[in-house]
Amino acid sequence: MNKPQLDETKASEFIGKTVLLGVTYLDHNEQLVERRQWFGTIIAFSNTEGIRIRLRDSDDSCGLPPDPRGIRKAKPGVYKLQSTGEEIVNPDFLATWIRVAAAPKG
């Protein structure tokens, strides 16, 4: 199976743009553990670094795999973080991921 890759020639379309990131965490039985949301600015977009996001109001960053399937253009509007109620107006992109925990060993 071919591993998805970013089209690095499009990096300038992503770097410096705002992204709202949502991750759903599932246990090894694919039962919901939690959902988390963050937003920030895309600072890297490459197959070696993946998609790196500098989180808003922080020096911290987070990384996403170099997989274009998890990111898409956002429709204009106001988006609300479920955990904090904070509103983000007109982000450029939305990134959604589902993380399934590995089954326990033994």
PDB file of N, CA and C in Angstrom:
ATOM      1  N   MET A   1       0.843  -1.183   0.000  1.00  0.00           N
ATOM      2  CA  MET A   1       0.000   0.000   0.000  1.00  0.00           C
ATOM      3  C   MET A   1       0.883   1.239   0.000  1.00  0.00           C
ATOM      4  N   ASN A   2       0.582   2.183  -0.875  1.00  0.00           N
ATOM      5  CA  ASN A   2       1.354   3.415  -0.945  1.00  0.00           C
ATOM      6  C   ASN A   2       1.039   4.302   0.236  1.00  0.00           C
ATOM      7  N   LYS A   3       2.097   4.850   0.811  1.00  0.00           N
ATOM      8  CA  LYS A   3       1.958   5.758   1.946  1.00  0.00           C
ATOM      9  C   LYS A   3       1.576   7.143   1.420  1.00  0.00           C
ATOM     10  N   PRO A   4       0.519   7.769   1.977  1.00  0.00           N
ATOM     11  CA  PRO A   4       0.138   9.112   1.512  1.00  0.00           C
ATOM     12  C   PRO A   4       1.269  10.111   1.772  1.00  0.00           C
ATOM     13  N   GLN A   5       1.409  11.042   0.864  1.00  0.00           N
ATOM     14  CA  GLN A   5       2.431  12.075   1.015  1.00  0.00           C
ATOM     15  C   GLN A   5       1.851  13.434   0.691  1.00  0.00           C
ATOM     16  N   LEU A   6       2.479  14.448   1.280  1.00  0.00           N
ATOM     17  CA  LEU A   6       2.103  15.826   1.003  1.00  0.00           C
ATOM     18  C   LEU A   6       2.716  16.254  -0.322  1.00  0.00           C
ATOM     19  N   ASP A   7       2.031  17.125  -1.021  1.00  0.00           N
ATOM     20  CA  ASP A   7       2.601  17.756  -2.214  1.00  0.00           C
ATOM     21  C   ASP A   7       3.350  18.987  -1.730  1.00  0.00           C
ATOM     22  N   GLU A   8       4.658  18.825  -1.538  1.00  0.00           N
ATOM     23  CA  GLU A   8       5.469  19.898  -0.953  1.00  0.00           C
ATOM     24  C   GLU A   8       5.508  21.156  -1.807  1.00  0.00           C
ATOM     25  N   THR A   9       5.152  21.064  -3.080  1.00  0.00           N
ATOM     26  CA  THR A   9       5.117  22.267  -3.923  1.00  0.00           C
ATOM     27  C   THR A   9       3.986  23.197  -3.490  1.00  0.00           C
ATOM     28  N   LYS A  10       3.054  22.685  -2.676  1.00  0.00           N
ATOM     29  CA  LYS A  10       1.931  23.496  -2.191  1.00  0.00           C
ATOM     30  C   LYS A  10       2.155  24.025  -0.781  1.00  0.00           C
ATOM     31  N   ALA A  11       3.356  23.876  -0.250  1.00  0.00           N
ATOM     32  CA  ALA A  11       3.645  24.301   1.124  1.00  0.00           C
ATOM     33  C   ALA A  11       3.265  25.753   1.362  1.00  0.00           C
ATOM     34  N   SER A  12       3.505  26.627   0.396  1.00  0.00           N
ATOM     35  CA  SER A  12       3.210  28.051   0.585  1.00  0.00           C
ATOM     36  C   SER A  12       1.712  28.312   0.743  1.00  0.00           C
ATOM     37  N   GLU A  13       0.869  27.375   0.313  1.00  0.00           N
ATOM     38  CA  GLU A  13      -0.577  27.521   0.488  1.00  0.00           C
ATOM     39  C   GLU A  13      -1.007  27.187   1.921  1.00  0.00           C
ATOM     40  N   PHE A  14      -0.108  26.563   2.694  1.00  0.00           N
ATOM     41  CA  PHE A  14      -0.439  26.114   4.040  1.00  0.00           C
ATOM     42  C   PHE A  14       0.322  26.865   5.130  1.00  0.00           C
ATOM     43  N   ILE A  15       1.615  27.098   4.920  1.00  0.00           N
ATOM     44  CA  ILE A  15       2.435  27.735   5.952  1.00  0.00           C
ATOM     45  C   ILE A  15       1.929  29.151   6.226  1.00  0.00           C
ATOM     46  N   GLY A  16       1.767  29.441   7.516  1.00  0.00           N
ATOM     47  CA  GLY A  16       1.263  30.752   7.939  1.00  0.00           C
ATOM     48  C   GLY A  16      -0.247  30.817   8.048  1.00  0.00           C
ATOM     49  N   LYS A  17      -0.924  29.750   7.701  1.00  0.00           N
ATOM     50  CA  LYS A  17      -2.391  29.725   7.748  1.00  0.00           C
ATOM     51  C   LYS A  17      -2.872  29.154   9.086  1.00  0.00           C
ATOM     52  N   THR A  18      -4.090  29.523   9.455  1.00  0.00           N
ATOM     53  CA  THR A  18      -4.696  29.065  10.702  1.00  0.00           C
ATOM     54  C   THR A  18      -5.406  27.734  10.473  1.00  0.00           C
ATOM     55  N   VAL A  19      -5.214  26.828  11.420  1.00  0.00           N
ATOM     56  CA  VAL A  19      -5.861  25.521  11.333  1.00  0.00           C
ATOM     57  C   VAL A  19      -6.518  25.191  12.673  1.00  0.00           C
ATOM     58  N   LEU A  20      -7.712  24.655  12.600  1.00  0.00           N
ATOM     59  CA  LEU A  20      -8.420  24.142  13.767  1.00  0.00           C
ATOM     60  C   LEU A  20      -8.248  22.631  13.728  1.00  0.00           C
ATOM     61  N   LEU A  21      -7.690  22.077  14.785  1.00  0.00           N
ATOM     62  CA  LEU A  21      -7.337  20.666  14.848  1.00  0.00           C
ATOM     63  C   LEU A  21      -8.215  19.961  15.857  1.00  0.00           C
ATOM     64  N   GLY A  22      -8.802  18.843  15.449  1.00  0.00           N
ATOM     65  CA  GLY A  22      -9.590  18.019  16.348  1.00  0.00           C
ATOM     66  C   GLY A  22      -9.092  16.587  16.295  1.00  0.00           C
ATOM     67  N   VAL A  23      -8.882  15.993  17.463  1.00  0.00           N
ATOM     68  CA  VAL A  23      -8.436  14.609  17.548  1.00  0.00           C
ATOM     69  C   VAL A  23      -9.419  13.837  18.427  1.00  0.00           C
ATOM     70  N   THR A  24      -9.883  12.715  17.916  1.00  0.00           N
ATOM     71  CA  THR A  24     -10.722  11.794  18.668  1.00  0.00           C
ATOM     72  C   THR A  24      -9.846  10.630  19.092  1.00  0.00           C
ATOM     73  N   TYR A  25      -9.815  10.357  20.387  1.00  0.00           N
ATOM     74  CA  TYR A  25      -9.008   9.267  20.932  1.00  0.00           C
ATOM     75  C   TYR A  25      -9.923   8.091  21.258  1.00  0.00           C
ATOM     76  N   LEU A  26      -9.595   6.924  20.716  1.00  0.00           N
ATOM     77  CA  LEU A  26     -10.348   5.709  20.966  1.00  0.00           C
ATOM     78  C   LEU A  26      -9.443   4.691  21.650  1.00  0.00           C
ATOM     79  N   ASP A  27     -10.046   3.828  22.462  1.00  0.00           N
ATOM     80  CA  ASP A  27      -9.257   2.750  23.053  1.00  0.00           C
ATOM     81  C   ASP A  27      -9.079   1.631  22.024  1.00  0.00           C
ATOM     82  N   HIS A  28      -8.428   0.558  22.421  1.00  0.00           N
ATOM     83  CA  HIS A  28      -8.138  -0.515  21.464  1.00  0.00           C
ATOM     84  C   HIS A  28      -9.398  -1.230  20.978  1.00  0.00           C
ATOM     85  N   ASN A  29     -10.526  -1.044  21.670  1.00  0.00           N
ATOM     86  CA  ASN A  29     -11.810  -1.594  21.225  1.00  0.00           C
ATOM     87  C   ASN A  29     -12.614  -0.580  20.418  1.00  0.00           C
ATOM     88  N   GLU A  30     -11.960   0.533  20.085  1.00  0.00           N
ATOM     89  CA  GLU A  30     -12.555   1.631  19.317  1.00  0.00           C
ATOM     90  C   GLU A  30     -13.719   2.293  20.045  1.00  0.00           C
ATOM     91  N   GLN A  31     -13.608   2.329  21.390  1.00  0.00           N
ATOM     92  CA  GLN A  31     -14.570   3.051  22.219  1.00  0.00           C
ATOM     93  C   GLN A  31     -14.000   4.436  22.527  1.00  0.00           C
ATOM     94  N   LEU A  32     -14.849   5.437  22.530  1.00  0.00           N
ATOM     95  CA  LEU A  32     -14.420   6.808  22.757  1.00  0.00           C
ATOM     96  C   LEU A  32     -13.768   6.977  24.127  1.00  0.00           C
ATOM     97  N   VAL A  33     -12.585   7.581  24.125  1.00  0.00           N
ATOM     98  CA  VAL A  33     -11.889   7.933  25.357  1.00  0.00           C
ATOM     99  C   VAL A  33     -12.053   9.431  25.598  1.00  0.00           C
ATOM    100  N   GLU A  34     -11.722  10.233  24.577  1.00  0.00           N
ATOM    101  CA  GLU A  34     -11.889  11.685  24.681  1.00  0.00           C
ATOM    102  C   GLU A  34     -11.761  12.326  23.316  1.00  0.00           C
ATOM    103  N   ARG A  35     -12.186  13.582  23.265  1.00  0.00           N
ATOM    104  CA  ARG A  35     -12.001  14.420  22.072  1.00  0.00           C
ATOM    105  C   ARG A  35     -11.291  15.683  22.528  1.00  0.00           C
ATOM    106  N   ARG A  36     -10.330  16.117  21.712  1.00  0.00           N
ATOM    107  CA  ARG A  36      -9.598  17.348  22.042  1.00  0.00           C
ATOM    108  C   ARG A  36      -9.538  18.234  20.815  1.00  0.00           C
ATOM    109  N   GLN A  37      -9.460  19.533  21.055  1.00  0.00           N
ATOM    110  CA  GLN A  37      -9.363  20.512  19.973  1.00  0.00           C
ATOM    111  C   GLN A  37      -8.307  21.551  20.319  1.00  0.00           C
ATOM    112  N   TRP A  38      -7.599  21.994  19.295  1.00  0.00           N
ATOM    113  CA  TRP A  38      -6.629  23.067  19.411  1.00  0.00           C
ATOM    114  C   TRP A  38      -6.692  23.881  18.132  1.00  0.00           C
ATOM    115  N   PHE A  39      -6.055  25.045  18.166  1.00  0.00           N
ATOM    116  CA  PHE A  39      -5.864  25.755  16.902  1.00  0.00           C
ATOM    117  C   PHE A  39      -4.563  26.532  16.964  1.00  0.00           C
ATOM    118  N   GLY A  40      -4.081  26.844  15.782  1.00  0.00           N
ATOM    119  CA  GLY A  40      -2.820  27.564  15.694  1.00  0.00           C
ATOM    120  C   GLY A  40      -2.444  27.807  14.251  1.00  0.00           C
ATOM    121  N   THR A  41      -1.160  28.086  14.057  1.00  0.00           N
ATOM    122  CA  THR A  41      -0.633  28.454  12.747  1.00  0.00           C
ATOM    123  C   THR A  41       0.273  27.351  12.226  1.00  0.00           C
ATOM    124  N   ILE A  42       0.085  27.002  10.973  1.00  0.00           N
ATOM    125  CA  ILE A  42       0.927  25.982  10.343  1.00  0.00           C
ATOM    126  C   ILE A  42       2.315  26.575  10.120  1.00  0.00           C
ATOM    127  N   ILE A  43       3.341  25.895  10.645  1.00  0.00           N
ATOM    128  CA  ILE A  43       4.715  26.394  10.534  1.00  0.00           C
ATOM    129  C   ILE A  43       5.598  25.486   9.683  1.00  0.00           C
ATOM    130  N   ALA A  44       5.131  24.282   9.379  1.00  0.00           N
ATOM    131  CA  ALA A  44       5.891  23.382   8.501  1.00  0.00           C
ATOM    132  C   ALA A  44       4.909  22.492   7.757  1.00  0.00           C
ATOM    133  N   PHE A  45       5.274  22.159   6.524  1.00  0.00           N
ATOM    134  CA  PHE A  45       4.436  21.330   5.670  1.00  0.00           C
ATOM    135  C   PHE A  45       5.365  20.561   4.753  1.00  0.00           C
ATOM    136  N   SER A  46       5.843  19.419   5.235  1.00  0.00           N
ATOM    137  CA  SER A  46       6.786  18.637   4.434  1.00  0.00           C
ATOM    138  C   SER A  46       6.653  17.156   4.775  1.00  0.00           C
ATOM    139  N   ASN A  47       7.170  16.338   3.918  1.00  0.00           N
ATOM    140  CA  ASN A  47       7.119  14.895   4.139  1.00  0.00           C
ATOM    141  C   ASN A  47       8.107  14.441   5.202  1.00  0.00           C
ATOM    142  N   THR A  48       9.118  15.246   5.490  1.00  0.00           N
ATOM    143  CA  THR A  48      10.064  14.875   6.541  1.00  0.00           C
ATOM    144  C   THR A  48       9.611  15.378   7.906  1.00  0.00           C
ATOM    145  N   GLU A  49       9.046  16.573   7.976  1.00  0.00           N
ATOM    146  CA  GLU A  49       8.586  17.151   9.248  1.00  0.00           C
ATOM    147  C   GLU A  49       7.097  16.908   9.517  1.00  0.00           C
ATOM    148  N   GLY A  50       6.347  16.553   8.510  1.00  0.00           N
ATOM    149  CA  GLY A  50       4.907  16.458   8.638  1.00  0.00           C
ATOM    150  C   GLY A  50       4.287  17.843   8.620  1.00  0.00           C
ATOM    151  N   ILE A  51       3.123  17.955   9.205  1.00  0.00           N
ATOM    152  CA  ILE A  51       2.449  19.254   9.333  1.00  0.00           C
ATOM    153  C   ILE A  51       2.644  19.691  10.774  1.00  0.00           C
ATOM    154  N   ARG A  52       3.400  20.766  10.987  1.00  0.00           N
ATOM    155  CA  ARG A  52       3.657  21.274  12.344  1.00  0.00           C
ATOM    156  C   ARG A  52       2.816  22.514  12.553  1.00  0.00           C
ATOM    157  N   ILE A  53       2.218  22.574  13.736  1.00  0.00           N
ATOM    158  CA  ILE A  53       1.322  23.677  14.081  1.00  0.00           C
ATOM    159  C   ILE A  53       1.809  24.332  15.360  1.00  0.00           C
ATOM    160  N   ARG A  54       2.051  25.650  15.316  1.00  0.00           N
ATOM    161  CA  ARG A  54       2.358  26.402  16.541  1.00  0.00           C
ATOM    162  C   ARG A  54       1.019  26.761  17.165  1.00  0.00           C
ATOM    163  N   LEU A  55       0.815  26.247  18.356  1.00  0.00           N
ATOM    164  CA  LEU A  55      -0.461  26.445  19.024  1.00  0.00           C
ATOM    165  C   LEU A  55      -0.640  27.895  19.444  1.00  0.00           C
ATOM    166  N   ARG A  56      -1.863  28.375  19.364  1.00  0.00           N
ATOM    167  CA  ARG A  56      -2.157  29.780  19.663  1.00  0.00           C
ATOM    168  C   ARG A  56      -1.829  30.102  21.111  1.00  0.00           C
ATOM    169  N   ASP A  57      -1.275  31.300  21.320  1.00  0.00           N
ATOM    170  CA  ASP A  57      -0.923  31.798  22.647  1.00  0.00           C
ATOM    171  C   ASP A  57       0.043  30.877  23.376  1.00  0.00           C
ATOM    172  N   SER A  58       0.950  30.251  22.621  1.00  0.00           N
ATOM    173  CA  SER A  58       1.881  29.305  23.217  1.00  0.00           C
ATOM    174  C   SER A  58       3.136  29.207  22.356  1.00  0.00           C
ATOM    175  N   ASP A  59       4.234  28.815  22.977  1.00  0.00           N
ATOM    176  CA  ASP A  59       5.443  28.500  22.216  1.00  0.00           C
ATOM    177  C   ASP A  59       5.461  27.031  21.824  1.00  0.00           C
ATOM    178  N   ASP A  60       4.444  26.286  22.287  1.00  0.00           N
ATOM    179  CA  ASP A  60       4.366  24.863  21.985  1.00  0.00           C
ATOM    180  C   ASP A  60       3.882  24.648  20.555  1.00  0.00           C
ATOM    181  N   SER A  61       4.274  23.508  20.014  1.00  0.00           N
ATOM    182  CA  SER A  61       3.762  23.121  18.713  1.00  0.00           C
ATOM    183  C   SER A  61       3.335  21.663  18.783  1.00  0.00           C
ATOM    184  N   CYS A  62       2.559  21.262  17.816  1.00  0.00           N
ATOM    185  CA  CYS A  62       2.176  19.855  17.713  1.00  0.00           C
ATOM    186  C   CYS A  62       2.412  19.425  16.277  1.00  0.00           C
ATOM    187  N   GLY A  63       2.545  18.143  16.093  1.00  0.00           N
ATOM    188  CA  GLY A  63       2.832  17.628  14.769  1.00  0.00           C
ATOM    189  C   GLY A  63       1.786  16.648  14.306  1.00  0.00           C
ATOM    190  N   LEU A  64       1.499  16.710  13.027  1.00  0.00           N
ATOM    191  CA  LEU A  64       0.604  15.775  12.375  1.00  0.00           C
ATOM    192  C   LEU A  64       1.396  14.995  11.338  1.00  0.00           C
ATOM    193  N   PRO A  65       0.935  13.807  11.004  1.00  0.00           N
ATOM    194  CA  PRO A  65       1.635  13.037   9.970  1.00  0.00           C
ATOM    195  C   PRO A  65       1.606  13.764   8.620  1.00  0.00           C
ATOM    196  N   PRO A  66       2.550  13.438   7.748  1.00  0.00           N
ATOM    197  CA  PRO A  66       2.551  14.042   6.409  1.00  0.00           C
ATOM    198  C   PRO A  66       1.504  13.358   5.522  1.00  0.00           C
ATOM    199  N   ASP A  67       0.252  13.526   5.899  1.00  0.00           N
ATOM    200  CA  ASP A  67      -0.850  12.855   5.225  1.00  0.00           C
ATOM    201  C   ASP A  67      -1.905  13.901   4.875  1.00  0.00           C
ATOM    202  N   PRO A  68      -2.116  14.177   3.601  1.00  0.00           N
ATOM    203  CA  PRO A  68      -3.046  15.238   3.205  1.00  0.00           C
ATOM    204  C   PRO A  68      -4.509  14.903   3.459  1.00  0.00           C
ATOM    205  N   ARG A  69      -4.812  13.639   3.754  1.00  0.00           N
ATOM    206  CA  ARG A  69      -6.218  13.249   3.929  1.00  0.00           C
ATOM    207  C   ARG A  69      -6.834  13.828   5.194  1.00  0.00           C
ATOM    208  N   GLY A  70      -6.023  14.257   6.158  1.00  0.00           N
ATOM    209  CA  GLY A  70      -6.552  14.752   7.418  1.00  0.00           C
ATOM    210  C   GLY A  70      -6.806  16.240   7.471  1.00  0.00           C
ATOM    211  N   ILE A  71      -6.499  16.959   6.386  1.00  0.00           N
ATOM    212  CA  ILE A  71      -6.642  18.415   6.415  1.00  0.00           C
ATOM    213  C   ILE A  71      -7.449  18.873   5.202  1.00  0.00           C
ATOM    214  N   ARG A  72      -8.338  19.833   5.459  1.00  0.00           N
ATOM    215  CA  ARG A  72      -9.164  20.356   4.363  1.00  0.00           C
ATOM    216  C   ARG A  72      -9.461  21.834   4.601  1.00  0.00           C
ATOM    217  N   LYS A  73      -9.857  22.521   3.550  1.00  0.00           N
ATOM    218  CA  LYS A  73     -10.207  23.939   3.679  1.00  0.00           C
ATOM    219  C   LYS A  73     -11.448  24.070   4.544  1.00  0.00           C
ATOM    220  N   ALA A  74     -11.443  25.085   5.380  1.00  0.00           N
ATOM    221  CA  ALA A  74     -12.589  25.353   6.254  1.00  0.00           C
ATOM    222  C   ALA A  74     -13.582  26.267   5.549  1.00  0.00           C
ATOM    223  N   LYS A  75     -14.844  26.038   5.799  1.00  0.00           N
ATOM    224  CA  LYS A  75     -15.870  26.959   5.311  1.00  0.00           C
ATOM    225  C   LYS A  75     -15.838  28.198   6.201  1.00  0.00           C
ATOM    226  N   PRO A  76     -16.101  29.375   5.641  1.00  0.00           N
ATOM    227  CA  PRO A  76     -16.134  30.585   6.475  1.00  0.00           C
ATOM    228  C   PRO A  76     -17.162  30.435   7.590  1.00  0.00           C
ATOM    229  N   GLY A  77     -16.813  30.997   8.736  1.00  0.00           N
ATOM    230  CA  GLY A  77     -17.742  30.947   9.851  1.00  0.00           C
ATOM    231  C   GLY A  77     -17.036  30.981  11.182  1.00  0.00           C
ATOM    232  N   VAL A  78     -17.824  30.847  12.231  1.00  0.00           N
ATOM    233  CA  VAL A  78     -17.312  30.852  13.599  1.00  0.00           C
ATOM    234  C   VAL A  78     -17.322  29.409  14.099  1.00  0.00           C
ATOM    235  N   TYR A  79     -16.170  28.959  14.585  1.00  0.00           N
ATOM    236  CA  TYR A  79     -16.021  27.609  15.116  1.00  0.00           C
ATOM    237  C   TYR A  79     -15.748  27.726  16.609  1.00  0.00           C
ATOM    238  N   LYS A  80     -16.409  26.892  17.395  1.00  0.00           N
ATOM    239  CA  LYS A  80     -16.275  26.965  18.846  1.00  0.00           C
ATOM    240  C   LYS A  80     -15.580  25.704  19.363  1.00  0.00           C
ATOM    241  N   LEU A  81     -14.544  25.911  20.189  1.00  0.00           N
ATOM    242  CA  LEU A  81     -13.893  24.784  20.842  1.00  0.00           C
ATOM    243  C   LEU A  81     -14.826  24.249  21.917  1.00  0.00           C
ATOM    244  N   GLN A  82     -15.120  22.972  21.859  1.00  0.00           N
ATOM    245  CA  GLN A  82     -16.055  22.370  22.801  1.00  0.00           C
ATOM    246  C   GLN A  82     -15.545  22.433  24.243  1.00  0.00           C
ATOM    247  N   SER A  83     -14.233  22.275  24.421  1.00  0.00           N
ATOM    248  CA  SER A  83     -13.684  22.208  25.778  1.00  0.00           C
ATOM    249  C   SER A  83     -13.625  23.560  26.477  1.00  0.00           C
ATOM    250  N   THR A  84     -13.407  24.628  25.718  1.00  0.00           N
ATOM    251  CA  THR A  84     -13.213  25.933  26.343  1.00  0.00           C
ATOM    252  C   THR A  84     -14.278  26.964  25.969  1.00  0.00           C
ATOM    253  N   GLY A  85     -15.015  26.701  24.904  1.00  0.00           N
ATOM    254  CA  GLY A  85     -15.986  27.678  24.430  1.00  0.00           C
ATOM    255  C   GLY A  85     -15.356  28.782  23.603  1.00  0.00           C
ATOM    256  N   GLU A  86     -14.033  28.751  23.474  1.00  0.00           N
ATOM    257  CA  GLU A  86     -13.335  29.765  22.686  1.00  0.00           C
ATOM    258  C   GLU A  86     -13.784  29.689  21.234  1.00  0.00           C
ATOM    259  N   GLU A  87     -13.915  30.854  20.597  1.00  0.00           N
ATOM    260  CA  GLU A  87     -14.368  30.911  19.213  1.00  0.00           C
ATOM    261  C   GLU A  87     -13.232  31.287  18.280  1.00  0.00           C
ATOM    262  N   ILE A  88     -13.200  30.623  17.147  1.00  0.00           N
ATOM    263  CA  ILE A  88     -12.219  30.891  16.100  1.00  0.00           C
ATOM    264  C   ILE A  88     -13.011  31.329  14.879  1.00  0.00           C
ATOM    265  N   VAL A  89     -12.708  32.510  14.369  1.00  0.00           N
ATOM    266  CA  VAL A  89     -13.429  33.052  13.231  1.00  0.00           C
ATOM    267  C   VAL A  89     -12.639  32.795  11.955  1.00  0.00           C
ATOM    268  N   ASN A  90     -13.287  32.156  11.013  1.00  0.00           N
ATOM    269  CA  ASN A  90     -12.742  31.913   9.679  1.00  0.00           C
ATOM    270  C   ASN A  90     -11.345  31.289   9.651  1.00  0.00           C
ATOM    271  N   PRO A  91     -11.161  30.127  10.293  1.00  0.00           N
ATOM    272  CA  PRO A  91      -9.867  29.467  10.130  1.00  0.00           C
ATOM    273  C   PRO A  91      -9.693  29.081   8.659  1.00  0.00           C
ATOM    274  N   ASP A  92      -8.454  28.924   8.251  1.00  0.00           N
ATOM    275  CA  ASP A  92      -8.192  28.558   6.857  1.00  0.00           C
ATOM    276  C   ASP A  92      -8.436  27.070   6.605  1.00  0.00           C
ATOM    277  N   PHE A  93      -8.057  26.246   7.594  1.00  0.00           N
ATOM    278  CA  PHE A  93      -8.146  24.799   7.425  1.00  0.00           C
ATOM    279  C   PHE A  93      -8.714  24.131   8.661  1.00  0.00           C
ATOM    280  N   LEU A  94      -9.249  22.933   8.446  1.00  0.00           N
ATOM    281  CA  LEU A  94      -9.666  22.042   9.515  1.00  0.00           C
ATOM    282  C   LEU A  94      -8.839  20.769   9.378  1.00  0.00           C
ATOM    283  N   ALA A  95      -8.387  20.244  10.495  1.00  0.00           N
ATOM    284  CA  ALA A  95      -7.661  18.975  10.491  1.00  0.00           C
ATOM    285  C   ALA A  95      -8.344  18.059  11.495  1.00  0.00           C
ATOM    286  N   THR A  96      -8.722  16.883  11.060  1.00  0.00           N
ATOM    287  CA  THR A  96      -9.379  15.937  11.948  1.00  0.00           C
ATOM    288  C   THR A  96      -8.667  14.594  11.877  1.00  0.00           C
ATOM    289  N   TRP A  97      -8.476  14.025  13.041  1.00  0.00           N
ATOM    290  CA  TRP A  97      -7.775  12.748  13.141  1.00  0.00           C
ATOM    291  C   TRP A  97      -8.463  11.871  14.167  1.00  0.00           C
ATOM    292  N   ILE A  98      -8.350  10.577  13.968  1.00  0.00           N
ATOM    293  CA  ILE A  98      -8.812   9.593  14.946  1.00  0.00           C
ATOM    294  C   ILE A  98      -7.608   8.751  15.330  1.00  0.00           C
ATOM    295  N   ARG A  99      -7.361   8.667  16.624  1.00  0.00           N
ATOM    296  CA  ARG A  99      -6.239   7.864  17.123  1.00  0.00           C
ATOM    297  C   ARG A  99      -6.795   6.682  17.897  1.00  0.00           C
ATOM    298  N   VAL A 100      -6.454   5.480  17.427  1.00  0.00           N
ATOM    299  CA  VAL A 100      -6.904   4.253  18.075  1.00  0.00           C
ATOM    300  C   VAL A 100      -5.722   3.662  18.828  1.00  0.00           C
ATOM    301  N   ALA A 101      -5.900   3.406  20.115  1.00  0.00           N
ATOM    302  CA  ALA A 101      -4.830   2.849  20.939  1.00  0.00           C
ATOM    303  C   ALA A 101      -4.561   1.406  20.520  1.00  0.00           C
ATOM    304  N   ALA A 102      -3.314   1.009  20.659  1.00  0.00           N
ATOM    305  CA  ALA A 102      -2.946  -0.374  20.382  1.00  0.00           C
ATOM    306  C   ALA A 102      -3.530  -1.290  21.457  1.00  0.00           C
ATOM    307  N   ALA A 103      -3.785  -2.514  21.070  1.00  0.00           N
ATOM    308  CA  ALA A 103      -4.286  -3.491  22.025  1.00  0.00           C
ATOM    309  C   ALA A 103      -3.204  -3.794  23.060  1.00  0.00           C
ATOM    310  N   PRO A 104      -3.621  -4.059  24.307  1.00  0.00           N
ATOM    311  CA  PRO A 104      -2.639  -4.386  25.332  1.00  0.00           C
ATOM    312  C   PRO A 104      -1.896  -5.681  24.956  1.00  0.00           C
ATOM    313  N   LYS A 105      -0.634  -5.729  25.329  1.00  0.00           N
ATOM    314  CA  LYS A 105       0.153  -6.937  25.057  1.00  0.00           C
ATOM    315  C   LYS A 105      -0.216  -8.023  26.056  1.00  0.00           C
ATOM    316  N   GLY A 106      -0.255  -9.253  25.565  1.00  0.00           N
ATOM    317  CA  GLY A 106      -0.495 -10.389  26.446  1.00  0.00           C
ATOM    318  C   GLY A 106      -1.926 -10.690  26.513  1.00  0.00           C
TER     319      GLY A 106
END
